[in-house]
Every structure is written in C-alpha cells, then in structure tokens.
Amino acid sequence: MKGLMAHYVQGAESIKRGIVEGWYATGTVETTCDGPFPTCAACEAHIAQERADIDAYHQGASHQH
C-alpha cells in the first residue's frame, strides 16, 4: 500500500482498462487497486486509511507472541 497514489482515469485509458472514468488508487506499475472515487481528495483519503489500517495490523501482530 505504500506505493499507492491517486490517478485519474479517463478517455482512451478508461476504455482500454474497461473501467469508468474517475479517481483510482493505483500501484507503482499503474495497477488499479480501488475506485472509482468522486474526487482526488476522496481517493487520497482512502489510500491514507488503507495505510493506517495496515500499520495498525502490523503493530498488533508484532505485539503478539
């Protein structure tokens, strides 16, 4: 999740990927992970929440023995 970024998919790219236009969380090799989101801010908020959830999971897992 650390490699995710907000990316707007539109036009030919939307058709090529078979997805509707909108904001998507994409990976470093432009793999679409989540979306569409109505705004860039909504997409970035989703990415931040995913990162926080993963960090919390890892912190909890490291405290269990």
Protein backbone atom coordinates (compact mmCIF):
# COMPACT_ATOMS: atom_id res chain seq x y z
CA MET A 1 0.00 0.00 0.00
CA LYS A 2 2.93 2.35 0.42
CA GLY A 3 3.29 2.54 -3.36
CA LEU A 4 -0.31 3.64 -4.00
CA MET A 5 -1.11 7.00 -5.50
CA ALA A 6 -4.22 8.77 -6.78
CA HIS A 7 -4.61 8.62 -10.56
CA TYR A 8 -7.40 9.99 -12.75
CA VAL A 9 -8.50 7.53 -15.43
CA GLN A 10 -10.36 8.98 -18.41
CA GLY A 11 -11.00 8.65 -22.14
CA ALA A 12 -8.99 6.02 -24.03
CA GLU A 13 -7.35 4.75 -20.84
CA SER A 14 -10.79 4.19 -19.31
CA ILE A 15 -11.92 2.24 -22.39
CA LYS A 16 -8.68 0.24 -22.56
CA ARG A 17 -8.95 -0.78 -18.89
CA GLY A 18 -12.69 -1.42 -19.11
CA ILE A 19 -13.46 0.88 -16.17
CA VAL A 20 -15.47 4.06 -15.77
CA GLU A 21 -13.76 7.45 -15.61
CA GLY A 22 -12.78 8.60 -12.14
CA TRP A 23 -10.09 8.69 -9.48
CA TYR A 24 -8.43 5.37 -8.65
CA ALA A 25 -5.80 4.22 -6.19
CA THR A 26 -3.10 2.78 -8.42
CA GLY A 27 0.11 0.90 -7.69
CA THR A 28 3.61 1.68 -8.85
CA VAL A 29 3.07 -0.21 -12.12
CA GLU A 30 -0.30 1.51 -12.60
CA THR A 31 -2.34 -1.46 -11.47
CA THR A 32 -5.77 -0.29 -10.39
CA CYS A 33 -6.40 -1.26 -6.78
CA ASP A 34 -9.52 0.62 -5.65
CA GLY A 35 -12.02 3.07 -7.06
CA PRO A 36 -13.52 4.95 -8.63
CA PHE A 37 -13.65 7.84 -6.20
CA PRO A 38 -15.51 11.09 -6.96
CA THR A 39 -12.54 13.35 -6.16
CA CYS A 40 -8.78 13.23 -5.78
CA ALA A 41 -9.18 14.10 -2.09
CA ALA A 42 -11.53 11.14 -1.54
CA CYS A 43 -9.07 8.82 -3.26
CA GLU A 44 -6.13 10.13 -1.23
CA ALA A 45 -8.16 9.79 1.99
CA HIS A 46 -8.88 6.16 1.11
CA ILE A 47 -5.18 5.49 0.47
CA ALA A 48 -4.25 7.11 3.80
CA GLN A 49 -6.83 4.99 5.64
CA GLU A 50 -5.56 1.81 3.98
CA ARG A 51 -2.02 2.65 5.06
CA ALA A 52 -3.16 3.37 8.63
CA ASP A 53 -5.08 0.06 8.76
CA ILE A 54 -2.05 -1.88 7.54
CA ASP A 55 0.27 -0.13 10.00
CA ALA A 56 -2.15 -0.88 12.86
CA TYR A 57 -2.36 -4.52 11.79
CA HIS A 58 1.43 -4.86 11.73
CA GLN A 59 1.80 -3.17 15.11
CA GLY A 60 -0.77 -5.52 16.61
CA ALA A 61 0.86 -8.56 15.04
CA SER A 62 4.30 -7.61 16.35
CA HIS A 63 2.95 -7.38 19.90
CA GLN A 64 1.51 -10.90 19.85
CA HIS A 65 3.84 -13.74 20.76
